[in-house]
Amino acid sequence: MKTFFRKTIFPKYHLDSIQAILEMHEYYGSPSGSYQCFQITEKEDPHSSLSHILRLDKEGFIQTTWDNERFKEKNLIELKSIALTIEGYKLLEELKSKSKAGKLGKRVSDLVWVIFTSIITTLAVLWIKSC
C-alpha cells in the first residue's frame, strides 16, 4: 500500500506515494510528452501505481489522458498527460506540509526567522544604548 505523503527526502522509487503521483505534473513540463507506460494487468492490483492513478482520476483529484494503441502489442498503456484539479492542488499542499521535506523546510524557515529577529533586536538594543 502506498503512503499518502513521502517518508523520505530522497525516495528510491519516484512513485512511492500519493504525493509523488500528484507531483508528476511538476516533473514533466511538456503536456504533449509521454509520461509513463504501465502494464495493463496492473489495473487489477490494488497496490500498483496505475490503480492509484486511476482512483485519483475517478475521485476528481487529477485529470489524465491515456493512449491505449501505441504499445498495445506489448500489453502496455501509456499515460499521455496528467493535470491537477483544485482539489488535487489542495491535497498536494496538505501532503507536502506533512512530508519530511515539508517539515524540514518549516524548521529551517522558523530557524532563519529566529536568527533574523535576534540580530535585529540586538542591533536595536546596541543603537539605543549608544544614544
Protein backbone atom coordinates (compact mmCIF):
# COMPACT_ATOMS: atom_id res chain seq x y z
CA MET A 1 0.00 0.00 0.00
CA LYS A 2 1.26 3.45 -0.86
CA THR A 3 1.59 6.06 1.84
CA PHE A 4 -0.09 9.41 1.37
CA PHE A 5 3.00 11.58 1.85
CA ARG A 6 6.68 10.96 1.24
CA LYS A 7 8.51 9.49 4.22
CA THR A 8 11.98 10.26 2.91
CA ILE A 9 13.54 13.36 1.41
CA PHE A 10 15.15 11.39 -1.44
CA PRO A 11 12.89 8.46 -2.39
CA LYS A 12 14.34 5.47 -4.23
CA TYR A 13 11.22 4.98 -6.35
CA HIS A 14 9.67 8.10 -7.85
CA LEU A 15 6.04 6.88 -7.48
CA ASP A 16 6.41 5.81 -3.86
CA SER A 17 3.40 7.72 -2.50
CA ILE A 18 0.19 9.51 -3.39
CA GLN A 19 2.13 12.77 -3.04
CA ALA A 20 4.56 11.58 -5.73
CA ILE A 21 1.72 10.76 -8.11
CA LEU A 22 0.23 14.22 -7.58
CA GLU A 23 3.66 15.78 -8.18
CA MET A 24 4.03 14.05 -11.57
CA HIS A 25 2.73 17.10 -13.41
CA GLU A 26 5.59 19.19 -11.95
CA TYR A 27 8.29 16.81 -13.19
CA TYR A 28 7.01 16.60 -16.75
CA GLY A 29 6.80 20.12 -18.14
CA SER A 30 5.50 19.39 -21.62
CA PRO A 31 1.83 18.45 -21.85
CA SER A 32 2.45 16.81 -25.22
CA GLY A 33 5.12 14.42 -23.95
CA SER A 34 4.74 10.85 -22.84
CA TYR A 35 4.80 10.37 -19.09
CA GLN A 36 4.99 6.70 -18.33
CA CYS A 37 3.83 3.30 -19.50
CA PHE A 38 2.10 0.76 -17.29
CA GLN A 39 1.25 -2.89 -17.71
CA ILE A 40 -2.47 -3.23 -18.40
CA THR A 41 -2.60 -6.07 -15.87
CA GLU A 42 -1.68 -3.57 -13.11
CA LYS A 43 -5.30 -2.33 -13.14
CA GLU A 44 -6.31 -5.35 -11.07
CA ASP A 45 -3.56 -4.88 -8.46
CA PRO A 46 -4.93 -2.50 -5.78
CA HIS A 47 -1.39 -1.57 -4.68
CA SER A 48 0.00 -0.65 -8.11
CA SER A 49 0.77 2.88 -9.23
CA LEU A 50 -1.66 2.52 -12.13
CA SER A 51 -4.60 1.65 -9.89
CA HIS A 52 -3.78 4.60 -7.61
CA ILE A 53 -3.64 6.97 -10.60
CA LEU A 54 -6.98 5.67 -11.86
CA ARG A 55 -8.55 6.10 -8.40
CA LEU A 56 -7.21 9.65 -8.06
CA ASP A 57 -8.67 10.41 -11.50
CA LYS A 58 -12.02 8.86 -10.57
CA GLU A 59 -12.17 10.81 -7.29
CA GLY A 60 -11.50 14.10 -9.10
CA PHE A 61 -8.02 14.95 -7.82
CA ILE A 62 -6.34 14.64 -11.23
CA GLN A 63 -7.28 14.58 -14.90
CA THR A 64 -5.46 12.13 -17.14
CA THR A 65 -5.36 11.17 -20.80
CA TRP A 66 -4.23 7.75 -21.94
CA ASP A 67 -3.03 6.18 -25.19
CA ASN A 68 -4.13 2.55 -25.43
CA GLU A 69 -2.99 2.00 -29.02
CA ARG A 70 0.71 2.98 -29.13
CA PHE A 71 2.05 -0.01 -27.16
CA LYS A 72 -0.91 -2.33 -27.50
CA GLU A 73 1.20 -5.25 -28.79
CA LYS A 74 3.38 -5.02 -25.65
CA ASN A 75 0.30 -5.02 -23.39
CA LEU A 76 1.11 -1.51 -22.13
CA ILE A 77 -0.99 1.57 -21.53
CA GLU A 78 0.67 4.98 -21.87
CA LEU A 79 -0.07 7.96 -19.65
CA LYS A 80 -0.10 10.93 -22.06
CA SER A 81 -0.93 13.79 -19.69
CA ILE A 82 -1.76 14.46 -16.09
CA ALA A 83 -3.15 17.64 -14.54
CA LEU A 84 -4.24 18.51 -11.03
CA THR A 85 -7.71 19.80 -10.24
CA ILE A 86 -8.30 22.39 -7.50
CA GLU A 87 -8.94 19.56 -5.03
CA GLY A 88 -5.73 17.90 -6.22
CA TYR A 89 -3.72 21.06 -5.51
CA LYS A 90 -5.27 21.29 -2.02
CA LEU A 91 -4.44 17.66 -1.30
CA LEU A 92 -0.89 18.07 -2.62
CA GLU A 93 -0.24 21.11 -0.42
CA GLU A 94 -1.54 19.23 2.63
CA LEU A 95 0.65 16.22 1.86
CA LYS A 96 3.73 18.36 1.22
CA SER A 97 3.34 20.01 4.62
CA LYS A 98 3.20 16.57 6.30
CA SER A 99 6.16 15.10 4.42
CA LYS A 100 9.70 15.04 5.82
CA ALA A 101 10.84 17.63 3.29
CA GLY A 102 7.92 19.88 4.24
CA LYS A 103 8.66 19.57 7.95
CA LEU A 104 12.35 20.22 7.33
CA GLY A 105 11.52 23.34 5.30
CA LYS A 106 9.26 24.62 8.08
CA ARG A 107 12.00 24.09 10.68
CA VAL A 108 14.59 25.86 8.55
CA SER A 109 12.30 28.84 7.90
CA ASP A 110 11.48 29.08 11.63
CA LEU A 111 15.19 28.98 12.46
CA VAL A 112 16.02 31.69 9.91
CA TRP A 113 13.22 33.86 11.33
CA VAL A 114 14.54 33.45 14.90
CA ILE A 115 18.09 34.32 13.83
CA PHE A 116 16.89 37.36 11.86
CA THR A 117 14.77 38.74 14.71
CA SER A 118 17.59 38.13 17.21
CA ILE A 119 20.04 40.10 15.09
CA ILE A 120 17.58 42.97 14.60
CA THR A 121 16.76 43.06 18.32
CA THR A 122 20.46 43.06 19.28
CA LEU A 123 21.23 45.86 16.82
CA ALA A 124 18.29 47.90 18.12
CA VAL A 125 19.43 47.49 21.73
CA LEU A 126 23.01 48.45 20.84
CA TRP A 127 21.80 51.51 18.92
CA ILE A 128 19.58 52.63 21.83
CA LYS A 129 22.46 52.20 24.34
CA SER A 130 24.79 54.24 22.14
CA CYS A 131 22.42 57.23 22.02
